[in-house]
Amino acid sequence: MTDSDTATPFRLAPGDQAPDFTLPDADGNPVSLADQRGRRVVVYCYPAALTPGCTTQAVDFTAAAGEFAEAGLDIIGISPDAPEKLSRFREQESLSITLVSDPDKAVLQAYGAYGPKKLYGKEVVGVIRSTFVIDADGKVERAGYNVKATGHVAKLRRDLGLS
């Protein structure tokens, strides 16, 4: 690894403009953050569909989706997985949230959600499990990096005053 590989990645903070994106969903249809203007959006970044932690998080978001929607929040999950894998993930786990594919990781990098991280005590480069709340004007309201898969959705619900 070079020094630049171990540098702290860029991080978004409240008040920053959320990087816009248009990415394919599990059916290959384009999903744009710009289309969400006027509504708040939870954008969460996760390493890989069909893995235990990511499944826990996606199932928890699906279970809470109605409560988030009632509060005016849509949910979009971003991973580097291909749309076909996202489709299998959605079907296998009965997910109702929007999952989008970022295979070149450009959007994940723009959100500061791709870079060096610790995995089982070793430093690796990969997707950093992160969650952002984007306000109706497209600005970052909340940014959380290195969030835990288990219990994260419940914590976010509490933080947003939904539970």
C-alpha atoms as a PDB file:
ATOM      1  CA  MET A   1       0.000   0.000   0.000  1.00  0.00           C
ATOM      2  CA  THR A   2       1.124   3.493  -0.721  1.00  0.00           C
ATOM      3  CA  ASP A   3       0.603   6.424   1.597  1.00  0.00           C
ATOM      4  CA  SER A   4      -2.304   7.599  -0.566  1.00  0.00           C
ATOM      5  CA  ASP A   5      -4.015   4.213  -0.087  1.00  0.00           C
ATOM      6  CA  THR A   6      -3.985   4.681   3.679  1.00  0.00           C
ATOM      7  CA  ALA A   7      -5.003   8.353   3.667  1.00  0.00           C
ATOM      8  CA  THR A   8      -8.285   9.172   5.329  1.00  0.00           C
ATOM      9  CA  PRO A   9     -10.905   9.161   2.600  1.00  0.00           C
ATOM     10  CA  PHE A  10     -13.052  12.179   1.870  1.00  0.00           C
ATOM     11  CA  ARG A  11     -16.065  12.447   4.185  1.00  0.00           C
ATOM     12  CA  LEU A  12     -19.368  14.234   3.658  1.00  0.00           C
ATOM     13  CA  ALA A  13     -20.705  16.349   6.514  1.00  0.00           C
ATOM     14  CA  PRO A  14     -24.081  17.906   7.314  1.00  0.00           C
ATOM     15  CA  GLY A  15     -24.722  20.888   5.061  1.00  0.00           C
ATOM     16  CA  ASP A  16     -22.707  19.496   2.138  1.00  0.00           C
ATOM     17  CA  GLN A  17     -24.435  19.108  -1.202  1.00  0.00           C
ATOM     18  CA  ALA A  18     -25.090  15.380  -1.692  1.00  0.00           C
ATOM     19  CA  PRO A  19     -23.350  14.067  -4.812  1.00  0.00           C
ATOM     20  CA  ASP A  20     -25.987  13.454  -7.445  1.00  0.00           C
ATOM     21  CA  PHE A  21     -26.175  10.092  -9.151  1.00  0.00           C
ATOM     22  CA  THR A  22     -28.109   8.046 -11.650  1.00  0.00           C
ATOM     23  CA  LEU A  23     -27.560   4.315 -11.209  1.00  0.00           C
ATOM     24  CA  PRO A  24     -29.405   1.197 -12.399  1.00  0.00           C
ATOM     25  CA  ASP A  25     -31.693  -0.545  -9.942  1.00  0.00           C
ATOM     26  CA  ALA A  26     -32.210  -4.308  -9.566  1.00  0.00           C
ATOM     27  CA  ASP A  27     -34.308  -4.286 -12.763  1.00  0.00           C
ATOM     28  CA  GLY A  28     -31.830  -2.147 -14.726  1.00  0.00           C
ATOM     29  CA  ASN A  29     -33.995   0.981 -14.506  1.00  0.00           C
ATOM     30  CA  PRO A  30     -32.221   4.285 -13.800  1.00  0.00           C
ATOM     31  CA  VAL A  31     -32.646   5.785 -10.321  1.00  0.00           C
ATOM     32  CA  SER A  32     -31.562   9.399  -9.835  1.00  0.00           C
ATOM     33  CA  LEU A  33     -31.093  11.266  -6.602  1.00  0.00           C
ATOM     34  CA  ALA A  34     -32.288  14.399  -8.441  1.00  0.00           C
ATOM     35  CA  ASP A  35     -35.683  12.714  -8.927  1.00  0.00           C
ATOM     36  CA  GLN A  36     -36.052  12.637  -5.122  1.00  0.00           C
ATOM     37  CA  ARG A  37     -35.929  16.441  -4.697  1.00  0.00           C
ATOM     38  CA  GLY A  38     -38.766  17.565  -2.474  1.00  0.00           C
ATOM     39  CA  ARG A  39     -38.468  14.415  -0.337  1.00  0.00           C
ATOM     40  CA  ARG A  40     -35.884  13.322   2.166  1.00  0.00           C
ATOM     41  CA  VAL A  41     -33.863  10.242   1.273  1.00  0.00           C
ATOM     42  CA  VAL A  42     -31.855   7.723   3.254  1.00  0.00           C
ATOM     43  CA  VAL A  43     -28.921   6.661   1.088  1.00  0.00           C
ATOM     44  CA  TYR A  44     -27.045   3.731   2.524  1.00  0.00           C
ATOM     45  CA  CYS A  45     -23.887   2.156   1.150  1.00  0.00           C
ATOM     46  CA  TYR A  46     -23.147  -1.507   1.781  1.00  0.00           C
ATOM     47  CA  PRO A  47     -20.372  -3.885   0.673  1.00  0.00           C
ATOM     48  CA  ALA A  48     -22.167  -6.857  -0.910  1.00  0.00           C
ATOM     49  CA  ALA A  49     -25.630  -8.279  -1.445  1.00  0.00           C
ATOM     50  CA  LEU A  50     -26.361 -11.774  -0.142  1.00  0.00           C
ATOM     51  CA  THR A  51     -23.862 -11.530   2.732  1.00  0.00           C
ATOM     52  CA  PRO A  52     -24.952 -11.818   6.391  1.00  0.00           C
ATOM     53  CA  GLY A  53     -24.430  -8.221   7.571  1.00  0.00           C
ATOM     54  CA  CYS A  54     -25.761  -6.650   4.400  1.00  0.00           C
ATOM     55  CA  THR A  55     -28.793  -8.935   4.491  1.00  0.00           C
ATOM     56  CA  THR A  56     -29.511  -7.932   8.107  1.00  0.00           C
ATOM     57  CA  GLN A  57     -29.317  -4.262   7.190  1.00  0.00           C
ATOM     58  CA  ALA A  58     -31.481  -4.586   4.037  1.00  0.00           C
ATOM     59  CA  VAL A  59     -34.128  -6.668   5.852  1.00  0.00           C
ATOM     60  CA  ASP A  60     -34.196  -4.102   8.697  1.00  0.00           C
ATOM     61  CA  PHE A  61     -34.599  -1.208   6.227  1.00  0.00           C
ATOM     62  CA  THR A  62     -37.392  -3.112   4.449  1.00  0.00           C
ATOM     63  CA  ALA A  63     -39.178  -3.748   7.764  1.00  0.00           C
ATOM     64  CA  ALA A  64     -38.975  -0.035   8.628  1.00  0.00           C
ATOM     65  CA  ALA A  65     -39.690   1.277   5.102  1.00  0.00           C
ATOM     66  CA  GLY A  66     -43.340   2.093   5.841  1.00  0.00           C
ATOM     67  CA  GLU A  67     -42.403   4.094   8.912  1.00  0.00           C
ATOM     68  CA  PHE A  68     -39.693   5.943   6.951  1.00  0.00           C
ATOM     69  CA  ALA A  69     -42.160   6.635   4.093  1.00  0.00           C
ATOM     70  CA  GLU A  70     -44.754   8.033   6.528  1.00  0.00           C
ATOM     71  CA  ALA A  71     -42.042  10.419   7.755  1.00  0.00           C
ATOM     72  CA  GLY A  72     -41.344  11.475   4.138  1.00  0.00           C
ATOM     73  CA  LEU A  73     -38.160   9.440   3.710  1.00  0.00           C
ATOM     74  CA  ASP A  74     -37.351   7.192   0.763  1.00  0.00           C
ATOM     75  CA  ILE A  75     -34.594   4.558   1.020  1.00  0.00           C
ATOM     76  CA  ILE A  76     -31.903   3.807  -1.562  1.00  0.00           C
ATOM     77  CA  GLY A  77     -29.179   1.203  -0.994  1.00  0.00           C
ATOM     78  CA  ILE A  78     -25.967   1.382  -3.052  1.00  0.00           C
ATOM     79  CA  SER A  79     -23.472  -1.441  -3.578  1.00  0.00           C
ATOM     80  CA  PRO A  80     -21.003  -2.397  -6.302  1.00  0.00           C
ATOM     81  CA  ASP A  81     -23.119  -5.488  -7.120  1.00  0.00           C
ATOM     82  CA  ALA A  82     -24.527  -5.975 -10.623  1.00  0.00           C
ATOM     83  CA  PRO A  83     -28.290  -5.442 -11.084  1.00  0.00           C
ATOM     84  CA  GLU A  84     -28.766  -9.195 -11.590  1.00  0.00           C
ATOM     85  CA  LYS A  85     -27.298  -9.915  -8.144  1.00  0.00           C
ATOM     86  CA  LEU A  86     -29.421  -7.153  -6.620  1.00  0.00           C
ATOM     87  CA  SER A  87     -32.494  -8.743  -8.189  1.00  0.00           C
ATOM     88  CA  ARG A  88     -31.625 -12.129  -6.639  1.00  0.00           C
ATOM     89  CA  PHE A  89     -31.000 -10.397  -3.296  1.00  0.00           C
ATOM     90  CA  ARG A  90     -34.362  -8.606  -3.467  1.00  0.00           C
ATOM     91  CA  GLU A  91     -36.239 -11.788  -4.359  1.00  0.00           C
ATOM     92  CA  GLN A  92     -34.435 -14.088  -1.911  1.00  0.00           C
ATOM     93  CA  GLU A  93     -34.947 -11.715   1.047  1.00  0.00           C
ATOM     94  CA  SER A  94     -38.324 -10.188  -0.028  1.00  0.00           C
ATOM     95  CA  LEU A  95     -36.835  -6.686  -0.017  1.00  0.00           C
ATOM     96  CA  SER A  96     -39.060  -3.738  -0.927  1.00  0.00           C
ATOM     97  CA  ILE A  97     -36.427  -0.986  -0.772  1.00  0.00           C
ATOM     98  CA  THR A  98     -34.655   0.422  -3.829  1.00  0.00           C
ATOM     99  CA  LEU A  99     -31.239  -1.136  -4.451  1.00  0.00           C
ATOM    100  CA  VAL A 100     -28.894   0.364  -7.043  1.00  0.00           C
ATOM    101  CA  SER A 101     -25.674  -0.818  -8.663  1.00  0.00           C
ATOM    102  CA  ASP A 102     -22.409   1.165  -8.668  1.00  0.00           C
ATOM    103  CA  PRO A 103     -19.943  -1.307 -10.238  1.00  0.00           C
ATOM    104  CA  ASP A 104     -17.222   1.275 -10.912  1.00  0.00           C
ATOM    105  CA  LYS A 105     -17.650   2.606  -7.345  1.00  0.00           C
ATOM    106  CA  ALA A 106     -17.673   6.245  -8.529  1.00  0.00           C
ATOM    107  CA  VAL A 107     -20.728   7.167  -6.455  1.00  0.00           C
ATOM    108  CA  LEU A 108     -19.456   5.231  -3.428  1.00  0.00           C
ATOM    109  CA  GLN A 109     -16.196   7.213  -3.707  1.00  0.00           C
ATOM    110  CA  ALA A 110     -18.088  10.514  -4.113  1.00  0.00           C
ATOM    111  CA  TYR A 111     -19.857   9.768  -0.830  1.00  0.00           C
ATOM    112  CA  GLY A 112     -16.598   8.833   0.912  1.00  0.00           C
ATOM    113  CA  ALA A 113     -17.938   5.302   1.288  1.00  0.00           C
ATOM    114  CA  TYR A 114     -15.120   3.509  -0.524  1.00  0.00           C
ATOM    115  CA  GLY A 115     -11.565   3.369   0.728  1.00  0.00           C
ATOM    116  CA  PRO A 116      -9.347   1.878   3.423  1.00  0.00           C
ATOM    117  CA  LYS A 117     -11.110   0.075   6.242  1.00  0.00           C
ATOM    118  CA  LYS A 118     -10.408  -2.578   8.844  1.00  0.00           C
ATOM    119  CA  LEU A 119     -11.720  -6.055   8.118  1.00  0.00           C
ATOM    120  CA  TYR A 120     -11.002  -8.758  10.678  1.00  0.00           C
ATOM    121  CA  GLY A 121      -8.078  -6.704  11.987  1.00  0.00           C
ATOM    122  CA  LYS A 122      -6.469  -6.161   8.573  1.00  0.00           C
ATOM    123  CA  GLU A 123      -6.578  -2.984   6.543  1.00  0.00           C
ATOM    124  CA  VAL A 124      -8.251  -3.488   3.180  1.00  0.00           C
ATOM    125  CA  VAL A 125      -9.776  -1.209   0.549  1.00  0.00           C
ATOM    126  CA  GLY A 126     -13.492  -1.636   0.037  1.00  0.00           C
ATOM    127  CA  VAL A 127     -16.968  -0.308   0.658  1.00  0.00           C
ATOM    128  CA  ILE A 128     -17.289   1.434   4.015  1.00  0.00           C
ATOM    129  CA  ARG A 129     -20.768   0.733   5.438  1.00  0.00           C
ATOM    130  CA  SER A 130     -22.224   4.248   5.557  1.00  0.00           C
ATOM    131  CA  THR A 131     -25.609   5.947   5.818  1.00  0.00           C
ATOM    132  CA  PHE A 132     -26.678   9.427   4.794  1.00  0.00           C
ATOM    133  CA  VAL A 133     -29.899  11.334   5.242  1.00  0.00           C
ATOM    134  CA  ILE A 134     -30.361  13.765   2.363  1.00  0.00           C
ATOM    135  CA  ASP A 135     -32.824  16.616   2.836  1.00  0.00           C
ATOM    136  CA  ALA A 136     -35.504  17.715   0.348  1.00  0.00           C
ATOM    137  CA  ASP A 137     -33.057  20.227  -1.198  1.00  0.00           C
ATOM    138  CA  GLY A 138     -30.336  17.633  -1.820  1.00  0.00           C
ATOM    139  CA  LYS A 139     -28.123  18.573   1.112  1.00  0.00           C
ATOM    140  CA  VAL A 140     -26.615  16.121   3.592  1.00  0.00           C
ATOM    141  CA  GLU A 141     -28.601  16.213   6.816  1.00  0.00           C
ATOM    142  CA  ARG A 142     -26.745  13.331   8.518  1.00  0.00           C
ATOM    143  CA  ALA A 143     -23.652  11.327   7.568  1.00  0.00           C
ATOM    144  CA  GLY A 144     -22.586   8.152   9.350  1.00  0.00           C
ATOM    145  CA  TYR A 145     -19.506   6.131   8.449  1.00  0.00           C
ATOM    146  CA  ASN A 146     -18.464   2.661   9.626  1.00  0.00           C
ATOM    147  CA  VAL A 147     -21.980   1.987  10.881  1.00  0.00           C
ATOM    148  CA  LYS A 148     -22.821  -1.443  12.250  1.00  0.00           C
ATOM    149  CA  ALA A 149     -25.141  -3.655  10.215  1.00  0.00           C
ATOM    150  CA  THR A 150     -26.978  -4.978  13.254  1.00  0.00           C
ATOM    151  CA  GLY A 151     -29.072  -2.418  15.095  1.00  0.00           C
ATOM    152  CA  HIS A 152     -28.217   0.415  12.719  1.00  0.00           C
ATOM    153  CA  VAL A 153     -31.734   0.910  11.344  1.00  0.00           C
ATOM    154  CA  ALA A 154     -33.194   0.978  14.872  1.00  0.00           C
ATOM    155  CA  LYS A 155     -30.601   3.597  15.890  1.00  0.00           C
ATOM    156  CA  LEU A 156     -31.336   5.683  12.791  1.00  0.00           C
ATOM    157  CA  ARG A 157     -35.072   5.520  13.553  1.00  0.00           C
ATOM    158  CA  ARG A 158     -34.371   6.750  17.099  1.00  0.00           C
ATOM    159  CA  ASP A 159     -32.028   9.500  15.856  1.00  0.00           C
ATOM    160  CA  LEU A 160     -34.709  10.697  13.426  1.00  0.00           C
ATOM    161  CA  GLY A 161     -37.421  10.581  16.096  1.00  0.00           C
ATOM    162  CA  LEU A 162     -39.376   7.834  14.309  1.00  0.00           C
ATOM    163  CA  SER A 163     -39.554   5.352  17.176  1.00  0.00           C
END
